[in-house]
Amino acid sequence: MKCIFCQIINKESPADVVFENEKIIVFKDINPKAPVHLLVVPKEHIKSLNKLENKELLFEIFLTIKKIARKVGILQGHQVIISVGEKGGQEVDHLHFHLLGGWK
């Protein structure tokens, strides 16, 4: 069975997508922890940060985070959180980055 993020990537499950290109998808978290809480997800299924070996993809992810933070108005103040493994709080076994901001 595919993970929920793969289902979103393949348009098999709904998501509120705010950005998408051939390598990355960005969508709103369904259980937000901040006024702005987005998930930045590579389309390639990579289990966690420990399994990421493509430095070009990592660079593109961080450039996308910067672009999206600017687009949604949180460039001047935001958090990027990466949980690694179950013991690190990772709930979905697909690499993803939480982009949070918008606090007053």
Protein backbone atom coordinates (compact mmCIF):
# COMPACT_ATOMS: atom_id res chain seq x y z
CA MET A 1 0.00 0.00 0.00
CA LYS A 2 1.26 3.45 -0.89
CA CYS A 3 1.88 6.02 1.81
CA ILE A 4 -0.56 8.92 2.13
CA PHE A 5 1.95 11.35 0.59
CA CYS A 6 2.40 9.09 -2.45
CA GLN A 7 -1.38 8.96 -2.77
CA ILE A 8 -1.51 12.79 -2.70
CA ILE A 9 1.32 13.00 -5.25
CA ASN A 10 -0.56 10.56 -7.53
CA LYS A 11 -3.85 12.47 -7.08
CA GLU A 12 -5.43 9.44 -5.38
CA SER A 13 -6.09 11.42 -2.18
CA PRO A 14 -7.13 15.07 -1.91
CA ALA A 15 -4.89 17.84 -0.62
CA ASP A 16 -4.90 21.62 -0.65
CA VAL A 17 -1.88 22.02 -2.94
CA VAL A 18 -0.17 25.42 -2.96
CA PHE A 19 2.77 24.53 -5.24
CA GLU A 20 3.82 21.67 -7.46
CA ASN A 21 6.53 20.98 -10.00
CA GLU A 22 8.07 17.80 -11.41
CA LYS A 23 10.06 17.05 -8.21
CA ILE A 24 8.21 18.65 -5.28
CA ILE A 25 4.68 19.14 -4.01
CA VAL A 26 3.64 21.57 -1.25
CA PHE A 27 0.29 21.32 0.49
CA LYS A 28 -1.45 22.48 3.65
CA ASP A 29 -1.13 20.28 6.72
CA ILE A 30 -4.53 18.87 7.74
CA ASN A 31 -3.67 19.34 11.43
CA PRO A 32 -1.91 22.74 11.47
CA LYS A 33 0.31 23.77 14.37
CA ALA A 34 0.62 27.39 13.16
CA PRO A 35 -1.43 29.92 11.16
CA VAL A 36 0.59 28.77 8.13
CA HIS A 37 1.57 25.09 8.20
CA LEU A 38 2.65 23.58 4.90
CA LEU A 39 4.28 20.28 4.04
CA VAL A 40 7.06 20.32 1.47
CA VAL A 41 7.37 16.82 0.03
CA PRO A 42 9.65 15.39 -2.66
CA LYS A 43 7.66 13.39 -5.19
CA GLU A 44 10.21 10.60 -5.10
CA HIS A 45 9.41 8.25 -2.21
CA ILE A 46 12.33 8.66 0.18
CA LYS A 47 11.65 7.17 3.60
CA SER A 48 13.44 9.84 5.68
CA LEU A 49 16.25 12.37 5.71
CA ASN A 50 18.60 9.49 6.58
CA LYS A 51 17.86 7.95 3.17
CA LEU A 52 18.28 11.13 1.11
CA GLU A 53 21.42 11.03 -1.02
CA ASN A 54 20.49 13.43 -3.82
CA LYS A 55 22.05 16.76 -2.82
CA GLU A 56 20.52 18.50 -5.85
CA LEU A 57 17.05 17.50 -4.65
CA LEU A 58 17.82 18.75 -1.14
CA PHE A 59 19.01 22.07 -2.57
CA GLU A 60 15.84 22.35 -4.69
CA ILE A 61 13.68 21.61 -1.64
CA PHE A 62 15.27 24.45 0.32
CA LEU A 63 14.96 26.86 -2.61
CA THR A 64 11.29 25.87 -2.84
CA ILE A 65 10.82 26.48 0.88
CA LYS A 66 12.22 29.98 0.45
CA LYS A 67 9.99 30.64 -2.59
CA ILE A 68 6.86 29.39 -0.81
CA ALA A 69 7.67 31.31 2.39
CA ARG A 70 7.84 34.48 0.26
CA LYS A 71 4.63 33.57 -1.59
CA VAL A 72 2.60 33.06 1.62
CA GLY A 73 4.09 36.08 3.41
CA ILE A 74 6.29 34.42 6.05
CA LEU A 75 9.75 34.87 4.54
CA GLN A 76 10.85 37.20 7.36
CA GLY A 77 9.97 34.69 10.08
CA HIS A 78 9.25 30.98 9.87
CA GLN A 79 10.32 27.54 11.02
CA VAL A 80 11.37 24.53 8.98
CA ILE A 81 11.06 21.25 10.85
CA ILE A 82 12.29 17.85 9.71
CA SER A 83 11.42 14.84 11.84
CA VAL A 84 13.54 11.74 11.25
CA GLY A 85 12.27 8.28 12.13
CA GLU A 86 9.54 7.21 14.50
CA LYS A 87 11.69 8.05 17.54
CA GLY A 88 12.17 11.54 16.09
CA GLY A 89 8.45 12.12 15.68
CA GLN A 90 8.14 11.26 11.98
CA GLU A 91 4.56 10.08 11.49
CA VAL A 92 4.62 9.42 7.72
CA ASP A 93 7.47 7.33 6.28
CA HIS A 94 8.04 9.73 3.41
CA LEU A 95 10.56 12.55 3.69
CA HIS A 96 8.81 15.86 4.31
CA PHE A 97 9.57 19.30 5.66
CA HIS A 98 7.15 21.30 7.81
CA LEU A 99 7.07 25.02 6.95
CA LEU A 100 5.41 26.94 9.77
CA GLY A 101 4.83 30.64 10.33
CA GLY A 102 2.30 33.43 10.43
CA TRP A 103 2.34 34.06 14.16
CA LYS A 104 1.52 37.61 15.27
